[in-house]
Amino acid sequence: MSTVKTEITLKNAADVAMVQRGYMTDAQIRTMTVNALADTGAWTLVINEDTFQKLGLRLNGPEPGVLADGSTIVYQITDGVEVHWKNRKTICPALVVPGADEILFGALPMEGMDLMVHPRNEEVVGAHGDTALYKLK
């Protein structure tokens, strides 16, 4: 199986909450649309420092991570990122990996939107069809 990429939109979840409370407008939400690597081996969203800065996220402290070679490294973890894929969305933390050249769309946000990687078609699809079983409002 080759690598699978998909377009996702990332929003600062704190900004979204401020809009819901009437303190900001939709146009003020810090947002990015990226072509992310669907990585079911990554537990959550993985972003680089540039993405972290553009979204204006806050850090919630360090989180240990295990690399593919088995070594452990400590990364910073962010507060909530609202992740959108087509008609679905979820909120999850992101690991900030300095110098990362790709955004990783990990298992936590994919599960949160009832998504999976289709091995034959090599694309991200709904695990139970086109309609999510549950969605954030």
N, C-alpha and C. Protein backbone atom coordinates (compact mmCIF):
# COMPACT_ATOMS: atom_id res chain seq x y z
N MET A 1 0.84 -1.18 0.00
CA MET A 1 0.00 0.00 0.00
C MET A 1 0.89 1.24 0.00
N SER A 2 0.54 2.19 -0.81
CA SER A 2 1.31 3.44 -0.87
C SER A 2 0.78 4.41 0.18
N THR A 3 1.36 5.59 0.22
CA THR A 3 0.89 6.59 1.17
C THR A 3 -0.44 7.18 0.68
N VAL A 4 -1.27 7.53 1.62
CA VAL A 4 -2.59 8.08 1.32
C VAL A 4 -2.66 9.48 1.90
N LYS A 5 -2.98 10.44 1.06
CA LYS A 5 -3.14 11.82 1.51
C LYS A 5 -4.59 12.24 1.30
N THR A 6 -5.01 13.17 2.13
CA THR A 6 -6.37 13.69 2.03
C THR A 6 -6.39 15.14 2.50
N GLU A 7 -7.31 15.90 1.96
CA GLU A 7 -7.42 17.30 2.35
C GLU A 7 -8.24 17.43 3.62
N ILE A 8 -7.68 18.15 4.59
CA ILE A 8 -8.39 18.44 5.83
C ILE A 8 -8.26 19.94 6.12
N THR A 9 -9.20 20.44 6.88
CA THR A 9 -9.14 21.83 7.32
C THR A 9 -8.96 21.83 8.83
N LEU A 10 -8.03 22.64 9.29
CA LEU A 10 -7.71 22.76 10.71
C LEU A 10 -8.14 24.13 11.20
N LYS A 11 -8.81 24.15 12.35
CA LYS A 11 -9.24 25.42 12.94
C LYS A 11 -8.84 25.45 14.41
N ASN A 12 -8.52 26.63 14.88
CA ASN A 12 -8.25 26.80 16.30
C ASN A 12 -9.58 26.65 17.04
N ALA A 13 -9.71 25.59 17.84
CA ALA A 13 -10.98 25.30 18.51
C ALA A 13 -11.36 26.39 19.52
N ALA A 14 -10.38 27.06 20.12
CA ALA A 14 -10.68 28.15 21.05
C ALA A 14 -11.31 29.32 20.29
N ASP A 15 -10.83 29.58 19.06
CA ASP A 15 -11.43 30.63 18.23
C ASP A 15 -12.89 30.28 17.90
N VAL A 16 -13.13 29.02 17.57
CA VAL A 16 -14.49 28.58 17.25
C VAL A 16 -15.40 28.80 18.46
N ALA A 17 -14.91 28.49 19.65
CA ALA A 17 -15.69 28.71 20.87
C ALA A 17 -15.97 30.19 21.10
N MET A 18 -15.00 31.03 20.78
CA MET A 18 -15.20 32.48 20.93
C MET A 18 -16.28 32.99 19.97
N VAL A 19 -16.34 32.43 18.76
CA VAL A 19 -17.40 32.80 17.81
C VAL A 19 -18.75 32.36 18.36
N GLN A 20 -18.82 31.15 18.89
CA GLN A 20 -20.07 30.65 19.45
C GLN A 20 -20.57 31.51 20.61
N ARG A 21 -19.64 32.12 21.33
CA ARG A 21 -20.00 32.98 22.47
C ARG A 21 -20.23 34.43 22.05
N GLY A 22 -20.00 34.73 20.77
CA GLY A 22 -20.25 36.07 20.26
C GLY A 22 -19.09 37.05 20.42
N TYR A 23 -17.90 36.57 20.77
CA TYR A 23 -16.75 37.45 20.98
C TYR A 23 -15.89 37.66 19.73
N MET A 24 -16.10 36.84 18.71
CA MET A 24 -15.34 36.93 17.46
C MET A 24 -16.29 36.65 16.31
N THR A 25 -15.84 36.96 15.10
CA THR A 25 -16.62 36.62 13.91
C THR A 25 -16.00 35.38 13.25
N ASP A 26 -16.76 34.71 12.40
CA ASP A 26 -16.25 33.55 11.67
C ASP A 26 -14.97 33.88 10.91
N ALA A 27 -14.89 35.08 10.37
CA ALA A 27 -13.72 35.49 9.58
C ALA A 27 -12.46 35.57 10.43
N GLN A 28 -12.58 35.67 11.74
CA GLN A 28 -11.42 35.77 12.62
C GLN A 28 -10.87 34.42 13.07
N ILE A 29 -11.56 33.33 12.76
CA ILE A 29 -11.08 32.00 13.16
C ILE A 29 -9.82 31.68 12.38
N ARG A 30 -8.76 31.35 13.10
CA ARG A 30 -7.51 30.96 12.44
C ARG A 30 -7.67 29.56 11.87
N THR A 31 -7.53 29.47 10.55
CA THR A 31 -7.87 28.26 9.79
C THR A 31 -6.81 27.98 8.75
N MET A 32 -6.56 26.69 8.49
CA MET A 32 -5.67 26.26 7.41
C MET A 32 -6.26 25.02 6.75
N THR A 33 -6.18 24.96 5.44
CA THR A 33 -6.53 23.74 4.72
C THR A 33 -5.22 23.14 4.22
N VAL A 34 -5.03 21.85 4.53
CA VAL A 34 -3.75 21.18 4.22
C VAL A 34 -4.02 19.83 3.57
N ASN A 35 -3.04 19.34 2.86
CA ASN A 35 -3.06 18.00 2.31
C ASN A 35 -2.27 17.13 3.28
N ALA A 36 -2.97 16.34 4.10
CA ALA A 36 -2.34 15.59 5.18
C ALA A 36 -2.15 14.12 4.82
N LEU A 37 -1.13 13.53 5.42
CA LEU A 37 -0.87 12.11 5.26
C LEU A 37 -1.73 11.34 6.26
N ALA A 38 -2.59 10.47 5.77
CA ALA A 38 -3.42 9.63 6.65
C ALA A 38 -2.50 8.58 7.26
N ASP A 39 -2.29 8.67 8.57
CA ASP A 39 -1.34 7.80 9.27
C ASP A 39 -2.02 7.15 10.46
N THR A 40 -2.51 5.94 10.26
CA THR A 40 -3.22 5.24 11.34
C THR A 40 -2.27 4.81 12.46
N GLY A 41 -0.97 4.91 12.23
CA GLY A 41 0.01 4.61 13.27
C GLY A 41 0.29 5.78 14.19
N ALA A 42 -0.13 6.98 13.79
CA ALA A 42 0.00 8.16 14.64
C ALA A 42 -1.27 8.25 15.50
N TRP A 43 -1.13 8.50 16.79
CA TRP A 43 -2.32 8.47 17.65
C TRP A 43 -3.19 9.70 17.50
N THR A 44 -2.63 10.82 17.10
CA THR A 44 -3.43 12.03 16.95
C THR A 44 -2.93 12.84 15.76
N LEU A 45 -3.31 14.06 15.69
CA LEU A 45 -2.85 14.97 14.65
C LEU A 45 -1.42 15.37 14.96
N VAL A 46 -0.56 15.38 13.94
CA VAL A 46 0.83 15.80 14.11
C VAL A 46 1.05 16.99 13.19
N ILE A 47 1.51 18.10 13.77
CA ILE A 47 1.73 19.33 13.01
C ILE A 47 3.16 19.81 13.23
N ASN A 48 3.60 20.74 12.38
CA ASN A 48 4.92 21.34 12.57
C ASN A 48 4.76 22.69 13.28
N GLU A 49 5.88 23.33 13.57
CA GLU A 49 5.86 24.60 14.30
C GLU A 49 5.17 25.71 13.50
N ASP A 50 5.34 25.70 12.19
CA ASP A 50 4.71 26.72 11.35
C ASP A 50 3.18 26.64 11.45
N THR A 51 2.65 25.44 11.36
CA THR A 51 1.20 25.24 11.48
C THR A 51 0.73 25.65 12.87
N PHE A 52 1.48 25.27 13.89
CA PHE A 52 1.18 25.65 15.28
C PHE A 52 1.06 27.16 15.41
N GLN A 53 2.03 27.87 14.83
CA GLN A 53 2.03 29.34 14.91
C GLN A 53 0.86 29.95 14.14
N LYS A 54 0.63 29.47 12.90
CA LYS A 54 -0.45 30.03 12.07
C LYS A 54 -1.82 29.84 12.69
N LEU A 55 -2.02 28.72 13.38
CA LEU A 55 -3.30 28.48 14.03
C LEU A 55 -3.41 29.18 15.38
N GLY A 56 -2.29 29.68 15.90
CA GLY A 56 -2.32 30.40 17.17
C GLY A 56 -2.71 29.51 18.34
N LEU A 57 -2.24 28.28 18.32
CA LEU A 57 -2.61 27.32 19.37
C LEU A 57 -1.82 27.56 20.65
N ARG A 58 -2.33 27.05 21.76
CA ARG A 58 -1.61 27.09 23.04
C ARG A 58 -1.05 25.71 23.31
N LEU A 59 0.03 25.68 24.07
CA LEU A 59 0.61 24.40 24.46
C LEU A 59 0.05 23.96 25.81
N ASN A 60 -0.18 22.66 25.93
CA ASN A 60 -0.65 22.08 27.18
C ASN A 60 0.42 21.24 27.86
N GLY A 61 1.63 21.32 27.37
CA GLY A 61 2.73 20.61 28.03
C GLY A 61 3.29 19.50 27.19
N PRO A 62 4.31 18.87 27.72
CA PRO A 62 5.00 17.81 26.96
C PRO A 62 4.23 16.49 26.99
N GLU A 63 4.46 15.71 25.94
CA GLU A 63 3.86 14.38 25.80
C GLU A 63 4.91 13.47 25.18
N PRO A 64 5.20 12.32 25.80
CA PRO A 64 6.19 11.43 25.18
C PRO A 64 5.62 10.76 23.94
N GLY A 65 6.46 10.56 22.96
CA GLY A 65 6.06 9.87 21.74
C GLY A 65 7.09 8.81 21.39
N VAL A 66 6.63 7.72 20.83
CA VAL A 66 7.53 6.64 20.41
C VAL A 66 7.64 6.67 18.91
N LEU A 67 8.86 6.75 18.42
CA LEU A 67 9.11 6.79 16.99
C LEU A 67 9.09 5.39 16.39
N ALA A 68 9.08 5.32 15.07
CA ALA A 68 9.03 4.03 14.37
C ALA A 68 10.20 3.13 14.75
N ASP A 69 11.35 3.72 15.09
CA ASP A 69 12.51 2.91 15.47
C ASP A 69 12.48 2.48 16.93
N GLY A 70 11.42 2.83 17.64
CA GLY A 70 11.26 2.44 19.03
C GLY A 70 11.80 3.45 20.04
N SER A 71 12.49 4.46 19.59
CA SER A 71 13.02 5.45 20.51
C SER A 71 11.90 6.39 20.98
N THR A 72 12.09 6.95 22.17
CA THR A 72 11.10 7.84 22.75
C THR A 72 11.62 9.27 22.70
N ILE A 73 10.75 10.18 22.36
CA ILE A 73 11.08 11.61 22.32
C ILE A 73 9.91 12.35 22.93
N VAL A 74 10.19 13.52 23.52
CA VAL A 74 9.14 14.30 24.15
C VAL A 74 8.74 15.44 23.21
N TYR A 75 7.45 15.53 22.91
CA TYR A 75 6.90 16.57 22.06
C TYR A 75 5.98 17.46 22.87
N GLN A 76 5.75 18.65 22.37
CA GLN A 76 4.76 19.53 22.96
C GLN A 76 3.39 19.15 22.40
N ILE A 77 2.37 19.24 23.24
CA ILE A 77 1.01 18.93 22.81
C ILE A 77 0.17 20.20 22.94
N THR A 78 -0.71 20.40 21.96
CA THR A 78 -1.52 21.62 21.93
C THR A 78 -2.87 21.41 22.58
N ASP A 79 -3.56 22.52 22.76
CA ASP A 79 -4.97 22.45 23.12
C ASP A 79 -5.75 22.05 21.87
N GLY A 80 -7.04 22.18 21.87
CA GLY A 80 -7.88 21.63 20.81
C GLY A 80 -7.71 22.22 19.42
N VAL A 81 -7.71 21.33 18.46
CA VAL A 81 -7.75 21.69 17.05
C VAL A 81 -9.03 21.08 16.48
N GLU A 82 -9.83 21.89 15.83
CA GLU A 82 -11.03 21.38 15.17
C GLU A 82 -10.59 20.91 13.79
N VAL A 83 -10.79 19.62 13.51
CA VAL A 83 -10.36 19.02 12.25
C VAL A 83 -11.61 18.72 11.42
N HIS A 84 -11.59 19.19 10.16
CA HIS A 84 -12.72 18.98 9.25
C HIS A 84 -12.26 18.13 8.08
N TRP A 85 -13.08 17.16 7.71
CA TRP A 85 -12.89 16.34 6.51
C TRP A 85 -14.26 16.23 5.84
N LYS A 86 -14.37 16.79 4.67
CA LYS A 86 -15.64 16.83 3.94
C LYS A 86 -16.75 17.32 4.85
N ASN A 87 -17.78 16.50 5.12
CA ASN A 87 -18.92 16.95 5.92
C ASN A 87 -18.81 16.56 7.40
N ARG A 88 -17.59 16.24 7.87
CA ARG A 88 -17.41 15.78 9.24
C ARG A 88 -16.39 16.63 9.97
N LYS A 89 -16.49 16.61 11.30
CA LYS A 89 -15.49 17.32 12.09
C LYS A 89 -15.36 16.68 13.46
N THR A 90 -14.21 16.93 14.08
CA THR A 90 -13.93 16.47 15.42
C THR A 90 -12.92 17.43 16.04
N ILE A 91 -12.71 17.31 17.34
CA ILE A 91 -11.72 18.14 18.03
C ILE A 91 -10.73 17.20 18.71
N CYS A 92 -9.44 17.51 18.54
CA CYS A 92 -8.40 16.69 19.16
C CYS A 92 -7.17 17.56 19.44
N PRO A 93 -6.27 17.08 20.29
CA PRO A 93 -5.00 17.79 20.46
C PRO A 93 -4.08 17.47 19.29
N ALA A 94 -3.01 18.24 19.17
CA ALA A 94 -2.00 17.96 18.14
C ALA A 94 -0.64 17.89 18.80
N LEU A 95 0.20 17.01 18.29
CA LEU A 95 1.60 16.98 18.70
C LEU A 95 2.37 17.92 17.78
N VAL A 96 3.22 18.74 18.34
CA VAL A 96 4.04 19.66 17.55
C VAL A 96 5.41 19.02 17.38
N VAL A 97 5.74 18.68 16.14
CA VAL A 97 7.02 18.04 15.83
C VAL A 97 7.88 19.06 15.07
N PRO A 98 8.92 19.58 15.73
CA PRO A 98 9.77 20.57 15.06
C PRO A 98 10.35 20.00 13.76
N GLY A 99 10.26 20.78 12.70
CA GLY A 99 10.84 20.39 11.42
C GLY A 99 10.06 19.35 10.64
N ALA A 100 8.89 18.96 11.11
CA ALA A 100 8.09 17.97 10.38
C ALA A 100 7.73 18.54 9.01
N ASP A 101 7.87 17.71 7.98
CA ASP A 101 7.57 18.21 6.64
C ASP A 101 6.17 17.85 6.19
N GLU A 102 5.45 17.05 6.98
CA GLU A 102 4.07 16.69 6.63
C GLU A 102 3.18 16.77 7.85
N ILE A 103 1.92 17.07 7.60
CA ILE A 103 0.89 16.99 8.63
C ILE A 103 0.41 15.54 8.63
N LEU A 104 0.35 14.92 9.81
CA LEU A 104 -0.14 13.55 9.92
C LEU A 104 -1.56 13.56 10.47
N PHE A 105 -2.44 12.92 9.77
CA PHE A 105 -3.85 12.78 10.13
C PHE A 105 -3.96 11.43 10.83
N GLY A 106 -3.85 11.44 12.16
CA GLY A 106 -3.73 10.22 12.93
C GLY A 106 -5.04 9.53 13.27
N ALA A 107 -4.91 8.46 14.06
CA ALA A 107 -6.04 7.60 14.40
C ALA A 107 -7.13 8.31 15.19
N LEU A 108 -6.75 9.14 16.15
CA LEU A 108 -7.75 9.82 16.99
C LEU A 108 -8.71 10.70 16.18
N PRO A 109 -8.22 11.59 15.33
CA PRO A 109 -9.17 12.38 14.55
C PRO A 109 -9.93 11.54 13.52
N MET A 110 -9.28 10.51 12.95
CA MET A 110 -10.02 9.67 11.99
C MET A 110 -11.14 8.91 12.69
N GLU A 111 -10.84 8.34 13.86
CA GLU A 111 -11.89 7.63 14.62
C GLU A 111 -12.99 8.58 15.05
N GLY A 112 -12.60 9.80 15.42
CA GLY A 112 -13.57 10.81 15.84
C GLY A 112 -14.56 11.19 14.75
N MET A 113 -14.16 10.94 13.50
CA MET A 113 -15.06 11.25 12.37
C MET A 113 -15.55 9.99 11.67
N ASP A 114 -15.32 8.82 12.28
CA ASP A 114 -15.75 7.54 11.72
C ASP A 114 -15.15 7.33 10.33
N LEU A 115 -13.82 7.52 10.24
CA LEU A 115 -13.11 7.37 8.97
C LEU A 115 -12.12 6.22 9.03
N MET A 116 -11.73 5.76 7.87
CA MET A 116 -10.70 4.73 7.75
C MET A 116 -9.97 4.92 6.43
N VAL A 117 -8.81 4.27 6.32
CA VAL A 117 -8.10 4.25 5.05
C VAL A 117 -8.53 3.00 4.30
N HIS A 118 -9.09 3.17 3.11
CA HIS A 118 -9.51 2.04 2.29
C HIS A 118 -8.25 1.49 1.61
N PRO A 119 -7.84 0.25 1.93
CA PRO A 119 -6.57 -0.26 1.43
C PRO A 119 -6.52 -0.47 -0.09
N ARG A 120 -7.60 -0.89 -0.67
CA ARG A 120 -7.59 -1.16 -2.12
C ARG A 120 -7.65 0.14 -2.92
N ASN A 121 -8.54 1.05 -2.51
CA ASN A 121 -8.70 2.30 -3.24
C ASN A 121 -7.66 3.36 -2.85
N GLU A 122 -6.95 3.09 -1.75
CA GLU A 122 -5.93 4.00 -1.24
C GLU A 122 -6.47 5.42 -1.08
N GLU A 123 -7.54 5.52 -0.27
CA GLU A 123 -8.15 6.81 0.03
C GLU A 123 -8.81 6.76 1.39
N VAL A 124 -9.03 7.91 1.97
CA VAL A 124 -9.76 8.01 3.23
C VAL A 124 -11.25 8.00 2.90
N VAL A 125 -11.99 7.16 3.61
CA VAL A 125 -13.43 7.00 3.38
C VAL A 125 -14.15 6.88 4.72
N GLY A 126 -15.46 7.05 4.69
CA GLY A 126 -16.27 6.80 5.88
C GLY A 126 -16.24 5.32 6.21
N ALA A 127 -16.00 5.00 7.47
CA ALA A 127 -15.93 3.60 7.88
C ALA A 127 -17.27 2.89 7.72
N HIS A 128 -18.37 3.64 7.81
CA HIS A 128 -19.70 3.08 7.70
C HIS A 128 -20.52 3.80 6.63
N GLY A 129 -19.86 4.19 5.55
CA GLY A 129 -20.55 4.87 4.46
C GLY A 129 -20.30 6.36 4.45
N ASP A 130 -21.08 7.05 3.63
CA ASP A 130 -20.88 8.48 3.43
C ASP A 130 -21.40 9.35 4.57
N THR A 131 -22.29 8.84 5.39
CA THR A 131 -22.84 9.62 6.48
C THR A 131 -22.20 9.21 7.78
N ALA A 132 -21.66 10.18 8.51
CA ALA A 132 -21.04 9.88 9.80
C ALA A 132 -22.09 9.37 10.77
N LEU A 133 -21.70 8.42 11.61
CA LEU A 133 -22.62 7.91 12.63
C LEU A 133 -22.92 8.97 13.68
N TYR A 134 -21.96 9.83 13.92
CA TYR A 134 -22.14 10.92 14.87
C TYR A 134 -21.29 12.09 14.39
N LYS A 135 -21.75 13.29 14.70
CA LYS A 135 -21.03 14.49 14.28
C LYS A 135 -21.09 15.52 15.40
N LEU A 136 -20.05 16.33 15.48
CA LEU A 136 -20.11 17.49 16.36
C LEU A 136 -21.02 18.51 15.72
N LYS A 137 -21.70 19.26 16.49
CA LYS A 137 -22.57 20.29 15.93
C LYS A 137 -21.82 21.59 15.77
